[in-house]
Amino acid sequence: MPELRTVRQRKNIPKSQFAYVDKNGEGHLPIEDESHVRNAMARFNQTEFESESAKERARRKVLAAAKRYGIEISPDDVVAKPTSSLRPARTKQGPRGGRKTVRPKRPTTTRQRAAARKNIKKAARVRLRRVRAGH
């Protein structure tokens, strides 16, 4: 697949050569040649879309491009099925997009930390006793 090394190269591609263009005008899933279409098919379910209709339009564009280049699509392929969910299967944050908000850790008190250390020591003593007893 030809690589788009610079931002300028990517900006020179017409928006019609992307399966999906978001509201900011950024193109996603380039479909300018056969290798890009294969890559778009593989990454289709990893892309976040603004709406289900946008996802469906992108899916149809990828299917049309695959047909144009003679790429065979199996019926169980993600792109072959109509869209049922907006959420991507896997993103950089992990499966199903990961947790959206990260809550800060609750602060612990000195008493809680001391109790935790005491419990760890107690568990170690119990394990040692079991080993010595032959359990």
Protein backbone atom coordinates (compact mmCIF):
# COMPACT_ATOMS: atom_id res chain seq x y z
CA MET A 1 0.00 0.00 0.00
CA PRO A 2 1.42 3.41 -0.87
CA GLU A 3 2.19 5.29 2.31
CA LEU A 4 0.99 8.82 2.96
CA ARG A 5 4.16 10.10 4.55
CA THR A 6 3.32 13.74 4.96
CA VAL A 7 0.25 15.67 5.96
CA ARG A 8 0.50 17.54 2.66
CA GLN A 9 0.16 14.28 0.70
CA ARG A 10 -2.93 13.33 2.71
CA LYS A 11 -4.45 16.79 2.22
CA ASN A 12 -3.93 16.55 -1.55
CA ILE A 13 -6.21 13.51 -1.78
CA PRO A 14 -9.70 14.63 -2.79
CA LYS A 15 -12.39 14.11 -0.15
CA SER A 16 -14.26 11.86 -2.58
CA GLN A 17 -11.44 9.33 -2.19
CA PHE A 18 -12.30 8.77 1.48
CA ALA A 19 -15.12 6.52 2.65
CA TYR A 20 -15.86 8.87 5.54
CA VAL A 21 -15.24 12.59 6.07
CA ASP A 22 -16.03 13.84 9.57
CA LYS A 23 -17.57 17.20 10.52
CA ASN A 24 -14.08 18.75 10.83
CA GLY A 25 -13.35 17.84 7.20
CA GLU A 26 -10.82 15.14 8.09
CA GLY A 27 -10.94 12.09 5.82
CA HIS A 28 -11.00 8.56 7.20
CA LEU A 29 -10.66 5.22 5.42
CA PRO A 30 -9.02 6.20 2.10
CA ILE A 31 -10.32 4.20 -0.89
CA GLU A 32 -8.12 5.54 -3.70
CA ASP A 33 -6.66 2.18 -4.78
CA GLU A 34 -7.04 -1.55 -4.16
CA SER A 35 -4.66 -1.75 -1.21
CA HIS A 36 -6.33 1.21 0.51
CA VAL A 37 -9.75 -0.40 -0.01
CA ARG A 38 -8.53 -3.65 1.58
CA ASN A 39 -7.15 -1.64 4.50
CA ALA A 40 -10.43 0.31 4.83
CA MET A 41 -12.34 -2.99 4.96
CA ALA A 42 -10.05 -4.29 7.69
CA ARG A 43 -10.23 -1.08 9.76
CA PHE A 44 -13.89 -0.26 9.18
CA ASN A 45 -15.03 -1.55 12.56
CA GLN A 46 -12.19 0.30 14.33
CA THR A 47 -13.32 3.73 13.15
CA GLU A 48 -15.60 5.99 15.17
CA PHE A 49 -18.43 7.64 13.26
CA GLU A 50 -20.64 10.62 14.12
CA SER A 51 -23.92 8.88 13.31
CA GLU A 52 -25.30 5.56 12.12
CA SER A 53 -26.21 7.10 8.78
CA ALA A 54 -22.60 8.29 8.31
CA LYS A 55 -21.36 4.79 9.14
CA GLU A 56 -23.81 3.27 6.66
CA ARG A 57 -22.75 5.72 3.90
CA ALA A 58 -19.10 4.87 4.54
CA ARG A 59 -19.90 1.14 4.46
CA ARG A 60 -21.61 1.52 1.09
CA LYS A 61 -18.69 3.51 -0.29
CA VAL A 62 -16.24 0.82 0.81
CA LEU A 63 -18.45 -1.89 -0.76
CA ALA A 64 -18.67 0.04 -4.02
CA ALA A 65 -14.91 0.57 -4.10
CA ALA A 66 -14.34 -3.14 -3.39
CA LYS A 67 -16.63 -4.04 -6.27
CA ARG A 68 -14.84 -1.55 -8.55
CA TYR A 69 -11.46 -3.18 -7.81
CA GLY A 70 -12.83 -6.73 -7.93
CA ILE A 71 -12.25 -7.50 -4.25
CA GLU A 72 -14.35 -10.39 -3.02
CA ILE A 73 -16.26 -9.81 0.21
CA SER A 74 -17.44 -12.72 2.32
CA PRO A 75 -20.99 -12.53 3.72
CA ASP A 76 -19.73 -12.72 7.30
CA ASP A 77 -17.36 -9.77 6.83
CA VAL A 78 -18.13 -6.70 9.00
CA VAL A 79 -18.43 -4.44 5.95
CA ALA A 80 -20.91 -6.79 4.28
CA LYS A 81 -23.47 -6.45 7.08
CA PRO A 82 -25.64 -3.35 7.56
CA THR A 83 -24.57 -1.18 10.49
CA SER A 84 -26.13 -1.99 13.83
CA SER A 85 -23.99 0.01 16.21
CA LEU A 86 -22.06 3.25 16.20
CA ARG A 87 -19.40 2.03 18.57
CA PRO A 88 -16.13 0.71 17.17
CA ALA A 89 -15.06 -2.80 18.07
CA ARG A 90 -11.56 -1.74 19.09
CA THR A 91 -9.87 1.60 19.40
CA LYS A 92 -6.59 2.84 20.81
CA GLN A 93 -8.20 2.90 24.25
CA GLY A 94 -8.98 -0.83 24.10
CA PRO A 95 -11.99 -3.01 23.29
CA ARG A 96 -15.23 -1.12 22.64
CA GLY A 97 -13.50 2.22 23.11
CA GLY A 98 -12.43 1.72 26.70
CA ARG A 99 -13.72 3.77 29.60
CA LYS A 100 -14.54 7.29 28.49
CA THR A 101 -13.94 9.09 31.78
CA VAL A 102 -11.17 8.26 34.19
CA ARG A 103 -12.03 8.91 37.78
CA PRO A 104 -9.22 9.94 40.11
CA LYS A 105 -8.22 7.47 42.79
CA ARG A 106 -9.91 7.96 46.11
CA PRO A 107 -7.38 9.20 48.68
CA THR A 108 -6.54 6.71 51.41
CA THR A 109 -5.93 7.53 55.03
CA THR A 110 -2.89 6.54 57.07
CA ARG A 111 -5.07 4.15 59.05
CA GLN A 112 -6.25 2.40 55.84
CA ARG A 113 -2.69 1.97 54.57
CA ALA A 114 -1.56 0.55 57.94
CA ALA A 115 -4.47 -1.91 57.95
CA ALA A 116 -3.60 -3.02 54.41
CA ARG A 117 0.05 -3.64 55.38
CA LYS A 118 -1.11 -5.59 58.43
CA ASN A 119 -3.42 -7.77 56.28
CA ILE A 120 -0.62 -8.48 53.80
CA LYS A 121 1.71 -9.61 56.61
CA LYS A 122 -1.05 -11.74 58.12
CA ALA A 123 -1.72 -13.47 54.78
CA ALA A 124 2.01 -14.15 54.35
CA ARG A 125 2.16 -15.75 57.80
CA VAL A 126 -0.85 -17.97 57.00
CA ARG A 127 0.75 -19.09 53.71
CA LEU A 128 4.02 -19.88 55.49
CA ARG A 129 2.17 -21.87 58.15
CA ARG A 130 0.39 -23.91 55.43
CA VAL A 131 3.67 -24.63 53.68
CA ARG A 132 5.30 -25.79 56.90
CA ALA A 133 2.27 -27.96 57.75
CA GLY A 134 2.45 -29.59 54.30
CA HIS A 135 -0.92 -28.49 52.89
